[in-house]
Amino acid sequence: MQASTRVSTNTVHDLLFADDCALNTVTEEDMQRSMKPCAAGCANLVLTISTAKTVVMHQPPPSAKYNVPRINVNGTKLKNVETFAYLGNMLSRKTRISDEVAQRVSRASHATLFT
């Protein structure tokens, strides 16, 4: 018996959870461009973007120079951060996938199962 396999690839540009949103872009220009429809969508739904709680974290490729992005929403410049907690996970501008895997393995090794 032959099983049919179908594979598709999608790029995630935004992550929505409850009242949180994470935009994922490659360049500063893309981030600023993504903020416009996000802000417009919030305005259409009568939602307010808290610029005091909204932050930007730029994670360039290892070979690229770090430049502080200048992202504005509704005329207000957003704060740039080095680390950020999202859905219980601490994200860092310098985090690499190997760091994340090591952290999860460490957490799992400390877990205890009680029956």
Protein backbone atom coordinates (compact mmCIF):
# COMPACT_ATOMS: atom_id res chain seq x y z
CA MET A 1 0.00 0.00 0.00
CA GLN A 2 1.40 3.39 -1.01
CA ALA A 3 0.65 6.41 1.14
CA SER A 4 0.32 9.79 -0.48
CA THR A 5 2.32 12.59 1.13
CA ARG A 6 1.63 16.25 0.65
CA VAL A 7 4.03 18.90 1.94
CA SER A 8 3.54 22.63 1.91
CA THR A 9 5.71 25.47 3.14
CA ASN A 10 4.38 28.67 4.67
CA THR A 11 6.20 31.63 6.14
CA VAL A 12 4.70 32.93 9.37
CA HIS A 13 4.51 36.70 9.34
CA ASP A 14 2.46 37.24 12.49
CA LEU A 15 1.49 35.27 15.56
CA LEU A 16 -1.79 36.07 17.27
CA PHE A 17 -2.72 34.88 20.75
CA ALA A 18 -5.49 36.41 22.87
CA ASP A 19 -4.60 40.09 22.92
CA ASP A 20 -0.95 39.59 21.93
CA CYS A 21 0.51 39.86 18.46
CA ALA A 22 4.06 39.22 17.27
CA LEU A 23 5.04 40.47 13.83
CA ASN A 24 7.90 38.66 12.14
CA THR A 25 9.73 40.44 9.32
CA VAL A 26 13.17 40.39 7.76
CA THR A 27 13.94 44.11 7.44
CA GLU A 28 13.19 47.29 9.34
CA GLU A 29 11.26 48.55 6.32
CA ASP A 30 9.11 45.40 6.28
CA MET A 31 8.38 45.83 10.00
CA GLN A 32 7.30 49.44 9.55
CA ARG A 33 5.21 48.46 6.53
CA SER A 34 3.57 45.63 8.56
CA MET A 35 2.69 48.01 11.38
CA LYS A 36 0.40 50.08 9.15
CA PRO A 37 -2.19 47.36 8.36
CA CYS A 38 -1.88 46.03 11.92
CA ALA A 39 -2.69 49.47 13.37
CA ALA A 40 -5.47 50.00 10.81
CA GLY A 41 -7.00 46.61 11.65
CA CYS A 42 -6.93 47.43 15.35
CA ALA A 43 -8.56 50.80 14.68
CA ASN A 44 -11.31 49.13 12.61
CA LEU A 45 -12.05 46.80 15.53
CA VAL A 46 -11.88 49.69 18.02
CA LEU A 47 -8.80 48.17 19.67
CA THR A 48 -6.01 50.31 21.07
CA ILE A 49 -2.33 49.48 20.61
CA SER A 50 -0.57 50.29 23.86
CA THR A 51 2.63 51.97 22.69
CA ALA A 52 3.86 51.87 26.31
CA LYS A 53 3.74 48.03 26.25
CA THR A 54 4.63 47.45 22.58
CA VAL A 55 8.30 46.72 21.92
CA VAL A 56 10.60 45.92 19.01
CA MET A 57 13.31 43.26 19.08
CA HIS A 58 15.60 43.00 16.05
CA GLN A 59 17.50 39.74 15.59
CA PRO A 60 19.87 40.07 12.64
CA PRO A 61 21.65 37.09 11.07
CA PRO A 62 24.95 36.22 12.82
CA SER A 63 26.98 37.71 9.97
CA ALA A 64 25.08 41.03 9.88
CA LYS A 65 25.79 44.19 11.84
CA TYR A 66 23.19 45.12 14.45
CA ASN A 67 21.33 48.34 13.73
CA VAL A 68 18.74 49.68 16.14
CA PRO A 69 15.42 49.73 14.26
CA ARG A 70 13.25 52.84 14.34
CA ILE A 71 9.66 51.58 14.25
CA ASN A 72 6.69 53.90 14.79
CA VAL A 73 3.03 53.15 15.37
CA ASN A 74 0.46 55.93 15.17
CA GLY A 75 3.29 58.49 15.29
CA THR A 76 4.94 57.07 18.43
CA LYS A 77 8.42 55.51 18.31
CA LEU A 78 8.43 52.03 19.86
CA LYS A 79 10.99 50.96 22.47
CA ASN A 80 13.77 48.55 21.39
CA VAL A 81 14.57 45.67 23.75
CA GLU A 82 17.27 43.00 24.07
CA THR A 83 14.97 40.39 25.67
CA PHE A 84 11.23 39.82 25.61
CA ALA A 85 8.83 37.36 27.27
CA TYR A 86 6.20 36.01 24.85
CA LEU A 87 3.69 33.34 25.88
CA GLY A 88 5.89 32.21 28.77
CA ASN A 89 9.09 31.98 26.74
CA MET A 90 11.99 34.38 27.09
CA LEU A 91 13.21 35.56 23.71
CA SER A 92 16.54 37.29 23.25
CA ARG A 93 17.97 39.28 20.39
CA LYS A 94 21.03 37.01 20.59
CA THR A 95 19.23 33.68 21.06
CA ARG A 96 20.05 30.93 18.60
CA ILE A 97 18.06 27.74 18.11
CA SER A 98 20.77 25.72 19.87
CA ASP A 99 20.29 27.89 22.99
CA GLU A 100 16.52 27.28 22.91
CA VAL A 101 16.97 23.51 22.53
CA ALA A 102 19.45 23.41 25.43
CA GLN A 103 17.04 25.38 27.64
CA ARG A 104 14.12 23.07 26.85
CA VAL A 105 16.19 19.93 27.45
CA SER A 106 17.29 21.36 30.79
CA ARG A 107 13.67 22.11 31.77
CA ALA A 108 12.55 18.64 30.71
CA SER A 109 15.33 16.96 32.70
CA HIS A 110 14.04 18.72 35.85
CA ALA A 111 10.45 17.63 35.32
CA THR A 112 9.16 14.93 37.65
CA LEU A 113 6.21 12.70 36.94
CA PHE A 114 4.00 11.76 39.88
CA THR A 115 1.34 9.08 39.45
